[in-house]
Structure formats: structure tokens, C-alpha cells
Amino acid sequence: MPNHAESGDLQRLLARCRRGDSRAWSELIERFRSLVYSIPRRMGMGEDDAGDVFQATFVALYRSLHAIEDGQALPKWVATTAARESYRVRRLSGRYVTVDDDARALDEVLQDDEERADETAIRASEADWVRQGVRGLGAQCRDLLTALYVEGLAYQEVVTALGIPIGSIGPTRARCLEKLRRTLEAEGFFVG
């Protein structure tokens, strides 16, 4: 769910990819690398399966470049495709529940996978959006929020790691979260 400037950048990137610009294709892959890998990893898949999902997602994107008209739709398209590929790889891997073990018909299993893929794609897109918002914050906020919410450090560990006085962590965290909220709100994150 990119902002308007990012949407325009993605639109131009798509156009360059359609013209066969290999540098644009590399930029596109790099832009969505973490989003695509995050989906199968969240589903508990190993590195090899995540790599299969990554490859299948970008092959599908390459084949569909001409059909994606709006750059703003690209993040959701990529996330949804990665989620669907994740469910497909899980189903085919044999390390998970197979259709034979499931009393439901194949159509029901596939429908459930599609619905879960859509939900997974939405959550992954939102998480990617928040990660980008955090990256856009100043170093102190970025480091503090990462320490607290990504690394899960306790306040005393934050004191040691970042040198912030323990009494300042709470108020600083509140200010940083408010900055992040305003940033996300300005980009339209809460709309829809």
C-alpha cells in the first residue's frame, strides 16, 4: 500500500521492466525481496522452500508484467502471489498435511488455501509497510523501536545496547510510535 510518490516510482519501474531493462528488474526484485521471503518464513517454511517461493513469485511476476497496469497494485500482487506460492509449496512438499489426509475435497482445500493466502498477503503487506515506516524514522527512534519490538529487548537491555536512560525509554518510545503513526497515516496506511 505505497504512497503516491512510491506508486509513481513503481509505475516507472514496471515500465522499465517491460522494456527489458535488467537493472530495473534487479531493483524490482530487491525492493520486494524481504516481503516475499517473509511470507513463507512466517509460515514456518525452511530456507529451501522459501527460495522456491521466491523464485516462483518472481517468475510469475515476470510473466505478468504486461497485465499489472497500476504500480500501486504491485505490492499486494507480489504479496498475494508469494502467499499462494507458499501454500502451493507446502501442499506439494509432503512435509505437511496432504489432500489424502484431509477429509475435504480438493476444491475445498484449494479454496481454503486461497483464502489463507489472501489473509497472509494482507498481513505481510502491512508488516512491510510498517518496516518501511520505521526505516524512515530518525536513527534514535528506528534503533529504539527495533530493539523493543523486533529484538524484544527488556528496558535494562535497551539501556545497555543504546545508552538511553531507563526513565527515558517509555516517553521516547511513545514519541517514536506517534511519529510512526503520523508517517503511516500520511501514507494512507489506515485508510481502507
N, C-alpha and C. Protein backbone atom coordinates (compact mmCIF):
# COMPACT_ATOMS: atom_id res chain seq x y z
N MET A 1 0.82 -1.16 0.00
CA MET A 1 0.00 0.00 0.00
C MET A 1 0.88 1.24 0.00
N PRO A 2 1.54 1.46 -1.13
CA PRO A 2 2.51 2.54 -1.20
C PRO A 2 1.84 3.91 -1.26
N ASN A 3 2.61 4.96 -0.92
CA ASN A 3 2.09 6.30 -1.06
C ASN A 3 2.13 6.68 -2.54
N HIS A 4 1.63 7.87 -2.86
CA HIS A 4 1.52 8.26 -4.27
C HIS A 4 2.88 8.38 -4.96
N ALA A 5 3.88 8.92 -4.24
CA ALA A 5 5.22 9.04 -4.84
C ALA A 5 5.80 7.66 -5.13
N GLU A 6 5.66 6.75 -4.16
CA GLU A 6 6.19 5.40 -4.36
C GLU A 6 5.44 4.69 -5.48
N SER A 7 4.12 4.95 -5.56
CA SER A 7 3.32 4.35 -6.62
C SER A 7 3.83 4.77 -7.98
N GLY A 8 4.17 6.07 -8.12
CA GLY A 8 4.72 6.56 -9.38
C GLY A 8 6.07 5.93 -9.68
N ASP A 9 6.89 5.77 -8.65
CA ASP A 9 8.19 5.12 -8.83
C ASP A 9 8.00 3.68 -9.29
N LEU A 10 7.06 2.97 -8.68
CA LEU A 10 6.79 1.59 -9.08
C LEU A 10 6.24 1.52 -10.50
N GLN A 11 5.42 2.51 -10.87
CA GLN A 11 4.88 2.56 -12.23
C GLN A 11 6.02 2.70 -13.24
N ARG A 12 6.95 3.59 -12.95
CA ARG A 12 8.11 3.78 -13.86
C ARG A 12 8.99 2.52 -13.87
N LEU A 13 9.16 1.91 -12.72
CA LEU A 13 9.96 0.69 -12.63
C LEU A 13 9.32 -0.43 -13.46
N LEU A 14 8.00 -0.57 -13.36
CA LEU A 14 7.29 -1.56 -14.17
C LEU A 14 7.49 -1.30 -15.66
N ALA A 15 7.37 -0.04 -16.05
CA ALA A 15 7.54 0.32 -17.46
C ALA A 15 8.95 -0.04 -17.94
N ARG A 16 9.95 0.24 -17.13
CA ARG A 16 11.33 -0.10 -17.49
C ARG A 16 11.50 -1.62 -17.60
N CYS A 17 10.88 -2.35 -16.68
CA CYS A 17 10.97 -3.82 -16.72
C CYS A 17 10.32 -4.35 -18.00
N ARG A 18 9.19 -3.79 -18.36
CA ARG A 18 8.50 -4.22 -19.60
C ARG A 18 9.37 -3.98 -20.83
N ARG A 19 10.21 -2.95 -20.77
CA ARG A 19 11.10 -2.65 -21.91
C ARG A 19 12.36 -3.52 -21.90
N GLY A 20 12.48 -4.37 -20.89
CA GLY A 20 13.63 -5.27 -20.84
C GLY A 20 14.84 -4.72 -20.12
N ASP A 21 14.67 -3.70 -19.32
CA ASP A 21 15.76 -3.09 -18.57
C ASP A 21 16.15 -4.01 -17.41
N SER A 22 17.28 -4.68 -17.52
CA SER A 22 17.70 -5.64 -16.49
C SER A 22 18.01 -4.95 -15.16
N ARG A 23 18.48 -3.73 -15.20
CA ARG A 23 18.75 -3.01 -13.96
C ARG A 23 17.43 -2.73 -13.21
N ALA A 24 16.38 -2.41 -13.97
CA ALA A 24 15.08 -2.18 -13.36
C ALA A 24 14.55 -3.47 -12.73
N TRP A 25 14.75 -4.58 -13.43
CA TRP A 25 14.30 -5.87 -12.89
C TRP A 25 15.03 -6.17 -11.59
N SER A 26 16.33 -5.91 -11.53
CA SER A 26 17.09 -6.11 -10.29
C SER A 26 16.58 -5.22 -9.17
N GLU A 27 16.25 -3.97 -9.50
CA GLU A 27 15.69 -3.05 -8.50
C GLU A 27 14.36 -3.56 -7.98
N LEU A 28 13.54 -4.06 -8.89
CA LEU A 28 12.22 -4.58 -8.51
C LEU A 28 12.37 -5.78 -7.58
N ILE A 29 13.26 -6.67 -7.90
CA ILE A 29 13.49 -7.84 -7.05
C ILE A 29 14.00 -7.40 -5.68
N GLU A 30 14.94 -6.48 -5.67
CA GLU A 30 15.50 -6.02 -4.40
C GLU A 30 14.43 -5.32 -3.56
N ARG A 31 13.57 -4.56 -4.21
CA ARG A 31 12.51 -3.83 -3.50
C ARG A 31 11.56 -4.79 -2.76
N PHE A 32 11.26 -5.95 -3.35
CA PHE A 32 10.28 -6.86 -2.78
C PHE A 32 10.89 -8.13 -2.19
N ARG A 33 12.21 -8.22 -2.15
CA ARG A 33 12.90 -9.41 -1.63
C ARG A 33 12.45 -9.75 -0.21
N SER A 34 12.51 -8.80 0.70
CA SER A 34 12.19 -9.10 2.10
C SER A 34 10.72 -9.44 2.27
N LEU A 35 9.85 -8.77 1.53
CA LEU A 35 8.42 -9.08 1.61
C LEU A 35 8.15 -10.51 1.17
N VAL A 36 8.71 -10.92 0.05
CA VAL A 36 8.47 -12.26 -0.48
C VAL A 36 9.03 -13.32 0.46
N TYR A 37 10.25 -13.14 0.93
CA TYR A 37 10.84 -14.13 1.83
C TYR A 37 10.12 -14.20 3.17
N SER A 38 9.57 -13.07 3.62
CA SER A 38 8.93 -13.06 4.93
C SER A 38 7.68 -13.94 4.97
N ILE A 39 7.02 -14.11 3.87
CA ILE A 39 5.76 -14.85 3.87
C ILE A 39 5.97 -16.34 4.14
N PRO A 40 6.79 -17.04 3.37
CA PRO A 40 6.98 -18.47 3.69
C PRO A 40 7.69 -18.68 5.02
N ARG A 41 8.56 -17.76 5.40
CA ARG A 41 9.27 -17.92 6.68
C ARG A 41 8.29 -17.81 7.84
N ARG A 42 7.31 -16.88 7.74
CA ARG A 42 6.29 -16.77 8.78
C ARG A 42 5.43 -18.01 8.87
N MET A 43 5.32 -18.72 7.77
CA MET A 43 4.52 -19.94 7.75
C MET A 43 5.33 -21.13 8.25
N GLY A 44 6.57 -20.88 8.68
CA GLY A 44 7.39 -21.94 9.24
C GLY A 44 8.15 -22.74 8.20
N MET A 45 8.24 -22.24 7.00
CA MET A 45 8.93 -22.97 5.94
C MET A 45 10.43 -22.72 6.04
N GLY A 46 11.21 -23.70 5.64
CA GLY A 46 12.66 -23.61 5.66
C GLY A 46 13.20 -22.76 4.52
N GLU A 47 14.50 -22.56 4.55
CA GLU A 47 15.17 -21.70 3.56
C GLU A 47 14.98 -22.22 2.13
N ASP A 48 15.08 -23.54 1.93
CA ASP A 48 14.93 -24.09 0.58
C ASP A 48 13.53 -23.84 0.03
N ASP A 49 12.50 -24.09 0.85
CA ASP A 49 11.14 -23.85 0.40
C ASP A 49 10.88 -22.36 0.19
N ALA A 50 11.43 -21.52 1.07
CA ALA A 50 11.29 -20.08 0.90
C ALA A 50 11.94 -19.63 -0.40
N GLY A 51 13.08 -20.24 -0.73
CA GLY A 51 13.74 -19.94 -2.01
C GLY A 51 12.89 -20.34 -3.19
N ASP A 52 12.20 -21.49 -3.09
CA ASP A 52 11.29 -21.92 -4.15
C ASP A 52 10.15 -20.93 -4.32
N VAL A 53 9.61 -20.46 -3.20
CA VAL A 53 8.52 -19.47 -3.25
C VAL A 53 9.03 -18.18 -3.88
N PHE A 54 10.22 -17.75 -3.49
CA PHE A 54 10.82 -16.53 -4.03
C PHE A 54 10.94 -16.65 -5.56
N GLN A 55 11.51 -17.75 -6.00
CA GLN A 55 11.71 -17.95 -7.44
C GLN A 55 10.37 -18.00 -8.17
N ALA A 56 9.42 -18.76 -7.67
CA ALA A 56 8.12 -18.89 -8.34
C ALA A 56 7.39 -17.56 -8.37
N THR A 57 7.51 -16.77 -7.32
CA THR A 57 6.83 -15.48 -7.26
C THR A 57 7.39 -14.55 -8.34
N PHE A 58 8.70 -14.49 -8.48
CA PHE A 58 9.27 -13.57 -9.45
C PHE A 58 9.14 -14.08 -10.89
N VAL A 59 9.08 -15.38 -11.07
CA VAL A 59 8.77 -15.92 -12.41
C VAL A 59 7.35 -15.52 -12.79
N ALA A 60 6.42 -15.66 -11.84
CA ALA A 60 5.03 -15.26 -12.10
C ALA A 60 4.94 -13.76 -12.37
N LEU A 61 5.70 -12.97 -11.63
CA LEU A 61 5.70 -11.52 -11.86
C LEU A 61 6.24 -11.21 -13.26
N TYR A 62 7.32 -11.84 -13.63
CA TYR A 62 7.89 -11.61 -14.96
C TYR A 62 6.87 -11.93 -16.05
N ARG A 63 6.16 -13.04 -15.88
CA ARG A 63 5.15 -13.44 -16.87
C ARG A 63 3.94 -12.52 -16.88
N SER A 64 3.72 -11.81 -15.77
CA SER A 64 2.53 -10.97 -15.64
C SER A 64 2.82 -9.48 -15.75
N LEU A 65 4.04 -9.10 -16.05
CA LEU A 65 4.39 -7.69 -16.10
C LEU A 65 3.42 -6.88 -16.97
N HIS A 66 3.04 -7.43 -18.10
CA HIS A 66 2.16 -6.71 -19.03
C HIS A 66 0.75 -6.54 -18.47
N ALA A 67 0.35 -7.38 -17.53
CA ALA A 67 -1.02 -7.34 -17.01
C ALA A 67 -1.17 -6.43 -15.79
N ILE A 68 -0.07 -6.05 -15.17
CA ILE A 68 -0.12 -5.20 -13.98
C ILE A 68 0.00 -3.75 -14.46
N GLU A 69 -1.13 -3.08 -14.48
CA GLU A 69 -1.16 -1.73 -15.04
C GLU A 69 -0.84 -0.64 -14.03
N ASP A 70 -1.15 -0.89 -12.76
CA ASP A 70 -1.02 0.14 -11.74
C ASP A 70 0.11 -0.21 -10.77
N GLY A 71 1.09 0.66 -10.66
CA GLY A 71 2.20 0.43 -9.73
C GLY A 71 1.74 0.31 -8.29
N GLN A 72 0.64 0.97 -7.94
CA GLN A 72 0.12 0.90 -6.58
C GLN A 72 -0.37 -0.51 -6.24
N ALA A 73 -0.77 -1.28 -7.25
CA ALA A 73 -1.26 -2.64 -7.03
C ALA A 73 -0.12 -3.65 -6.89
N LEU A 74 1.09 -3.26 -7.25
CA LEU A 74 2.21 -4.20 -7.29
C LEU A 74 2.54 -4.83 -5.93
N PRO A 75 2.64 -4.07 -4.83
CA PRO A 75 2.96 -4.73 -3.55
C PRO A 75 1.95 -5.80 -3.16
N LYS A 76 0.67 -5.51 -3.32
CA LYS A 76 -0.36 -6.50 -2.98
C LYS A 76 -0.29 -7.69 -3.92
N TRP A 77 -0.04 -7.45 -5.20
CA TRP A 77 0.07 -8.53 -6.17
C TRP A 77 1.23 -9.45 -5.77
N VAL A 78 2.37 -8.86 -5.45
CA VAL A 78 3.55 -9.65 -5.08
C VAL A 78 3.28 -10.44 -3.80
N ALA A 79 2.70 -9.79 -2.79
CA ALA A 79 2.43 -10.46 -1.52
C ALA A 79 1.42 -11.60 -1.70
N THR A 80 0.37 -11.35 -2.47
CA THR A 80 -0.65 -12.38 -2.70
C THR A 80 -0.06 -13.56 -3.46
N THR A 81 0.74 -13.28 -4.46
CA THR A 81 1.37 -14.34 -5.24
C THR A 81 2.32 -15.15 -4.37
N ALA A 82 3.11 -14.46 -3.54
CA ALA A 82 4.03 -15.17 -2.64
C ALA A 82 3.27 -16.04 -1.65
N ALA A 83 2.15 -15.54 -1.14
CA ALA A 83 1.36 -16.34 -0.20
C ALA A 83 0.76 -17.55 -0.90
N ARG A 84 0.24 -17.37 -2.08
CA ARG A 84 -0.33 -18.51 -2.82
C ARG A 84 0.75 -19.54 -3.15
N GLU A 85 1.91 -19.06 -3.55
CA GLU A 85 3.02 -19.97 -3.85
C GLU A 85 3.46 -20.70 -2.58
N SER A 86 3.42 -20.02 -1.45
CA SER A 86 3.78 -20.64 -0.18
C SER A 86 2.85 -21.80 0.13
N TYR A 87 1.56 -21.57 -0.03
CA TYR A 87 0.61 -22.65 0.22
C TYR A 87 0.78 -23.78 -0.79
N ARG A 88 1.08 -23.42 -2.03
CA ARG A 88 1.29 -24.45 -3.05
C ARG A 88 2.51 -25.29 -2.71
N VAL A 89 3.61 -24.65 -2.34
CA VAL A 89 4.83 -25.37 -1.98
C VAL A 89 4.60 -26.24 -0.76
N ARG A 90 3.89 -25.71 0.23
CA ARG A 90 3.57 -26.52 1.42
C ARG A 90 2.79 -27.76 1.04
N ARG A 91 1.80 -27.58 0.19
CA ARG A 91 0.95 -28.70 -0.22
C ARG A 91 1.75 -29.75 -0.98
N LEU A 92 2.67 -29.31 -1.81
CA LEU A 92 3.44 -30.22 -2.65
C LEU A 92 4.64 -30.84 -1.94
N SER A 93 5.05 -30.23 -0.83
CA SER A 93 6.29 -30.67 -0.20
C SER A 93 6.17 -32.03 0.48
N GLY A 94 4.97 -32.41 0.87
CA GLY A 94 4.80 -33.70 1.51
C GLY A 94 5.14 -33.69 2.98
N ARG A 95 5.70 -32.58 3.48
CA ARG A 95 6.03 -32.49 4.90
C ARG A 95 4.86 -31.93 5.69
N TYR A 96 3.81 -31.63 5.00
CA TYR A 96 2.63 -31.05 5.64
C TYR A 96 1.43 -31.92 5.31
N VAL A 97 0.28 -31.55 5.78
CA VAL A 97 -0.94 -32.31 5.54
C VAL A 97 -1.18 -32.41 4.04
N THR A 98 -1.41 -33.61 3.58
CA THR A 98 -1.70 -33.81 2.17
C THR A 98 -3.20 -33.94 1.98
N VAL A 99 -3.64 -33.85 0.76
CA VAL A 99 -5.06 -33.96 0.47
C VAL A 99 -5.59 -35.32 0.91
N ASP A 100 -4.78 -36.38 0.79
CA ASP A 100 -5.21 -37.71 1.20
C ASP A 100 -5.53 -37.78 2.70
N ASP A 101 -4.82 -36.96 3.49
CA ASP A 101 -5.04 -36.95 4.93
C ASP A 101 -6.22 -36.06 5.33
N ASP A 102 -6.75 -35.34 4.38
CA ASP A 102 -7.79 -34.38 4.64
C ASP A 102 -9.12 -34.92 4.12
N ALA A 103 -10.14 -34.85 4.93
CA ALA A 103 -11.44 -35.41 4.53
C ALA A 103 -12.15 -34.52 3.52
N ARG A 104 -11.66 -33.31 3.32
CA ARG A 104 -12.32 -32.39 2.41
C ARG A 104 -11.96 -32.71 0.96
N ALA A 105 -12.78 -32.23 0.05
CA ALA A 105 -12.50 -32.37 -1.37
C ALA A 105 -11.35 -31.44 -1.75
N LEU A 106 -10.67 -31.76 -2.83
CA LEU A 106 -9.54 -30.95 -3.29
C LEU A 106 -9.97 -29.49 -3.51
N ASP A 107 -11.12 -29.28 -4.09
CA ASP A 107 -11.59 -27.91 -4.33
C ASP A 107 -11.70 -27.12 -3.02
N GLU A 108 -12.17 -27.77 -1.96
CA GLU A 108 -12.29 -27.11 -0.67
C GLU A 108 -10.92 -26.77 -0.09
N VAL A 109 -9.99 -27.70 -0.22
CA VAL A 109 -8.63 -27.47 0.27
C VAL A 109 -8.01 -26.29 -0.46
N LEU A 110 -8.16 -26.26 -1.77
CA LEU A 110 -7.59 -25.17 -2.57
C LEU A 110 -8.26 -23.83 -2.24
N GLN A 111 -9.56 -23.84 -2.04
CA GLN A 111 -10.28 -22.62 -1.68
C GLN A 111 -9.79 -22.09 -0.34
N ASP A 112 -9.63 -22.99 0.64
CA ASP A 112 -9.11 -22.58 1.95
C ASP A 112 -7.71 -22.00 1.81
N ASP A 113 -6.88 -22.63 1.00
CA ASP A 113 -5.52 -22.12 0.77
C ASP A 113 -5.57 -20.73 0.15
N GLU A 114 -6.46 -20.51 -0.80
CA GLU A 114 -6.59 -19.19 -1.45
C GLU A 114 -6.99 -18.13 -0.42
N GLU A 115 -7.96 -18.46 0.43
CA GLU A 115 -8.41 -17.51 1.44
C GLU A 115 -7.28 -17.20 2.43
N ARG A 116 -6.58 -18.23 2.86
CA ARG A 116 -5.45 -18.01 3.78
C ARG A 116 -4.34 -17.23 3.08
N ALA A 117 -4.13 -17.49 1.80
CA ALA A 117 -3.10 -16.75 1.06
C ALA A 117 -3.43 -15.26 1.00
N ASP A 118 -4.69 -14.94 0.78
CA ASP A 118 -5.09 -13.53 0.75
C ASP A 118 -4.87 -12.87 2.11
N GLU A 119 -5.25 -13.56 3.19
CA GLU A 119 -5.05 -13.03 4.54
C GLU A 119 -3.56 -12.86 4.83
N THR A 120 -2.77 -13.84 4.47
CA THR A 120 -1.32 -13.79 4.69
C THR A 120 -0.71 -12.63 3.90
N ALA A 121 -1.16 -12.45 2.68
CA ALA A 121 -0.65 -11.37 1.84
C ALA A 121 -0.95 -10.01 2.45
N ILE A 122 -2.14 -9.84 2.97
CA ILE A 122 -2.51 -8.56 3.58
C ILE A 122 -1.63 -8.30 4.80
N ARG A 123 -1.48 -9.30 5.67
CA ARG A 123 -0.64 -9.12 6.86
C ARG A 123 0.81 -8.82 6.47
N ALA A 124 1.32 -9.52 5.47
CA ALA A 124 2.72 -9.31 5.05
C ALA A 124 2.89 -7.92 4.44
N SER A 125 1.92 -7.47 3.65
CA SER A 125 1.99 -6.13 3.06
C SER A 125 1.98 -5.06 4.14
N GLU A 126 1.10 -5.25 5.13
CA GLU A 126 1.04 -4.29 6.22
C GLU A 126 2.33 -4.27 7.02
N ALA A 127 2.89 -5.45 7.28
CA ALA A 127 4.15 -5.52 8.03
C ALA A 127 5.28 -4.85 7.25
N ASP A 128 5.29 -5.06 5.94
CA ASP A 128 6.32 -4.42 5.10
C ASP A 128 6.17 -2.90 5.13
N TRP A 129 4.95 -2.45 5.10
CA TRP A 129 4.67 -1.01 5.15
C TRP A 129 5.18 -0.43 6.46
N VAL A 130 4.91 -1.11 7.58
CA VAL A 130 5.38 -0.63 8.88
C VAL A 130 6.91 -0.64 8.92
N ARG A 131 7.54 -1.71 8.41
CA ARG A 131 9.01 -1.77 8.37
C ARG A 131 9.57 -0.58 7.60
N GLN A 132 8.96 -0.24 6.48
CA GLN A 132 9.43 0.91 5.70
C GLN A 132 9.24 2.20 6.48
N GLY A 133 8.11 2.31 7.20
CA GLY A 133 7.88 3.49 8.02
C GLY A 133 8.93 3.63 9.11
N VAL A 134 9.27 2.52 9.75
CA VAL A 134 10.30 2.54 10.80
C VAL A 134 11.65 2.94 10.20
N ARG A 135 11.96 2.41 9.01
CA ARG A 135 13.23 2.78 8.36
C ARG A 135 13.32 4.27 8.09
N GLY A 136 12.16 4.91 7.88
CA GLY A 136 12.15 6.34 7.58
C GLY A 136 12.27 7.24 8.80
N LEU A 137 12.20 6.66 9.99
CA LEU A 137 12.34 7.44 11.21
C LEU A 137 13.80 7.78 11.45
N GLY A 138 14.05 8.71 12.34
CA GLY A 138 15.42 9.04 12.71
C GLY A 138 16.09 7.83 13.37
N ALA A 139 17.40 7.88 13.46
CA ALA A 139 18.17 6.75 13.97
C ALA A 139 17.75 6.36 15.39
N GLN A 140 17.51 7.34 16.28
CA GLN A 140 17.17 7.00 17.66
C GLN A 140 15.86 6.23 17.71
N CYS A 141 14.85 6.73 17.00
CA CYS A 141 13.55 6.04 17.00
C CYS A 141 13.66 4.68 16.34
N ARG A 142 14.33 4.64 15.22
CA ARG A 142 14.49 3.37 14.50
C ARG A 142 15.17 2.34 15.39
N ASP A 143 16.26 2.73 16.03
CA ASP A 143 17.00 1.80 16.89
C ASP A 143 16.18 1.37 18.11
N LEU A 144 15.47 2.33 18.71
CA LEU A 144 14.69 2.00 19.90
C LEU A 144 13.53 1.06 19.55
N LEU A 145 12.78 1.38 18.51
CA LEU A 145 11.65 0.53 18.16
C LEU A 145 12.11 -0.86 17.71
N THR A 146 13.23 -0.91 17.02
CA THR A 146 13.78 -2.21 16.60
C THR A 146 14.19 -3.02 17.83
N ALA A 147 14.85 -2.36 18.76
CA ALA A 147 15.30 -3.06 19.98
C ALA A 147 14.11 -3.59 20.77
N LEU A 148 13.06 -2.79 20.89
CA LEU A 148 11.91 -3.19 21.70
C LEU A 148 11.01 -4.20 21.00
N TYR A 149 10.73 -3.97 19.72
CA TYR A 149 9.68 -4.75 19.07
C TYR A 149 10.18 -5.82 18.10
N VAL A 150 11.39 -5.68 17.61
CA VAL A 150 11.94 -6.71 16.73
C VAL A 150 12.84 -7.65 17.53
N GLU A 151 13.76 -7.05 18.28
CA GLU A 151 14.68 -7.86 19.07
C GLU A 151 14.08 -8.27 20.41
N GLY A 152 13.03 -7.59 20.84
CA GLY A 152 12.36 -7.94 22.09
C GLY A 152 13.20 -7.70 23.33
N LEU A 153 14.04 -6.68 23.30
CA LEU A 153 14.90 -6.40 24.46
C LEU A 153 14.09 -5.82 25.61
N ALA A 154 14.47 -6.17 26.81
CA ALA A 154 13.90 -5.57 28.02
C ALA A 154 14.52 -4.18 28.19
N TYR A 155 13.87 -3.34 28.99
CA TYR A 155 14.35 -1.97 29.18
C TYR A 155 15.81 -1.92 29.61
N GLN A 156 16.22 -2.79 30.54
CA GLN A 156 17.60 -2.78 31.01
C GLN A 156 18.56 -3.12 29.87
N GLU A 157 18.15 -4.02 28.99
CA GLU A 157 18.99 -4.37 27.83
C GLU A 157 19.06 -3.20 26.85
N VAL A 158 17.97 -2.42 26.74
CA VAL A 158 17.97 -1.24 25.88
C VAL A 158 18.95 -0.21 26.42
N VAL A 159 18.96 -0.05 27.74
CA VAL A 159 19.91 0.87 28.38
C VAL A 159 21.34 0.50 27.97
N THR A 160 21.65 -0.78 28.08
CA THR A 160 23.00 -1.26 27.74
C THR A 160 23.28 -1.11 26.25
N ALA A 161 22.34 -1.51 25.41
CA ALA A 161 22.56 -1.52 23.96
C ALA A 161 22.57 -0.12 23.35
N LEU A 162 21.68 0.75 23.82
CA LEU A 162 21.52 2.06 23.17
C LEU A 162 21.97 3.24 24.02
N GLY A 163 22.21 2.99 25.31
CA GLY A 163 22.66 4.08 26.18
C GLY A 163 21.57 5.08 26.51
N ILE A 164 20.32 4.69 26.40
CA ILE A 164 19.20 5.57 26.75
C ILE A 164 18.90 5.35 28.23
N PRO A 165 18.78 6.42 29.02
CA PRO A 165 18.44 6.25 30.43
C PRO A 165 17.10 5.52 30.57
N ILE A 166 17.01 4.64 31.54
CA ILE A 166 15.83 3.80 31.69
C ILE A 166 14.54 4.62 31.84
N GLY A 167 14.61 5.77 32.51
CA GLY A 167 13.44 6.62 32.69
C GLY A 167 13.00 7.32 31.40
N SER A 168 13.86 7.34 30.40
CA SER A 168 13.54 8.00 29.13
C SER A 168 12.98 7.05 28.09
N ILE A 169 13.11 5.76 28.32
CA ILE A 169 12.70 4.78 27.31
C ILE A 169 11.21 4.89 27.01
N GLY A 170 10.37 4.88 28.05
CA GLY A 170 8.92 4.93 27.84
C GLY A 170 8.47 6.18 27.08
N PRO A 171 8.86 7.38 27.56
CA PRO A 171 8.45 8.59 26.84
C PRO A 171 9.02 8.67 25.42
N THR A 172 10.25 8.23 25.24
CA THR A 172 10.85 8.24 23.90
C THR A 172 10.12 7.27 22.99
N ARG A 173 9.81 6.10 23.53
CA ARG A 173 9.04 5.11 22.76
C ARG A 173 7.70 5.69 22.34
N ALA A 174 7.02 6.37 23.24
CA ALA A 174 5.71 6.97 22.92
C ALA A 174 5.85 8.00 21.81
N ARG A 175 6.88 8.85 21.89
CA ARG A 175 7.09 9.86 20.83
C ARG A 175 7.40 9.19 19.49
N CYS A 176 8.21 8.14 19.53
CA CYS A 176 8.58 7.43 18.29
C CYS A 176 7.37 6.75 17.67
N LEU A 177 6.56 6.13 18.49
CA LEU A 177 5.35 5.47 17.96
C LEU A 177 4.39 6.50 17.38
N GLU A 178 4.32 7.67 17.99
CA GLU A 178 3.46 8.73 17.45
C GLU A 178 4.00 9.22 16.10
N LYS A 179 5.32 9.37 15.99
CA LYS A 179 5.92 9.74 14.70
C LYS A 179 5.60 8.69 13.64
N LEU A 180 5.73 7.42 14.02
CA LEU A 180 5.44 6.33 13.09
C LEU A 180 3.97 6.36 12.69
N ARG A 181 3.09 6.58 13.65
CA ARG A 181 1.65 6.65 13.35
C ARG A 181 1.36 7.77 12.35
N ARG A 182 1.94 8.95 12.58
CA ARG A 182 1.72 10.09 11.67
C ARG A 182 2.26 9.78 10.28
N THR A 183 3.43 9.15 10.22
CA THR A 183 4.02 8.79 8.93
C THR A 183 3.12 7.82 8.18
N LEU A 184 2.68 6.78 8.86
CA LEU A 184 1.82 5.79 8.22
C LEU A 184 0.48 6.39 7.83
N GLU A 185 -0.04 7.27 8.66
CA GLU A 185 -1.32 7.93 8.36
C GLU A 185 -1.18 8.79 7.11
N ALA A 186 -0.07 9.53 7.00
CA ALA A 186 0.16 10.38 5.83
C ALA A 186 0.28 9.56 4.55
N GLU A 187 0.75 8.33 4.67
CA GLU A 187 0.90 7.46 3.51
C GLU A 187 -0.36 6.66 3.20
N GLY A 188 -1.41 6.84 4.02
CA GLY A 188 -2.67 6.16 3.75
C GLY A 188 -2.78 4.77 4.34
N PHE A 189 -1.92 4.43 5.28
CA PHE A 189 -1.93 3.08 5.85
C PHE A 189 -3.24 2.75 6.54
N PHE A 190 -3.85 3.71 7.19
CA PHE A 190 -5.06 3.43 7.98
C PHE A 190 -6.34 3.55 7.16
N VAL A 191 -6.21 3.87 5.89
CA VAL A 191 -7.37 4.00 5.02
C VAL A 191 -7.71 2.63 4.44
N GLY A 192 -8.96 2.35 4.31
CA GLY A 192 -9.34 1.13 3.60
C GLY A 192 -9.79 0.07 4.47
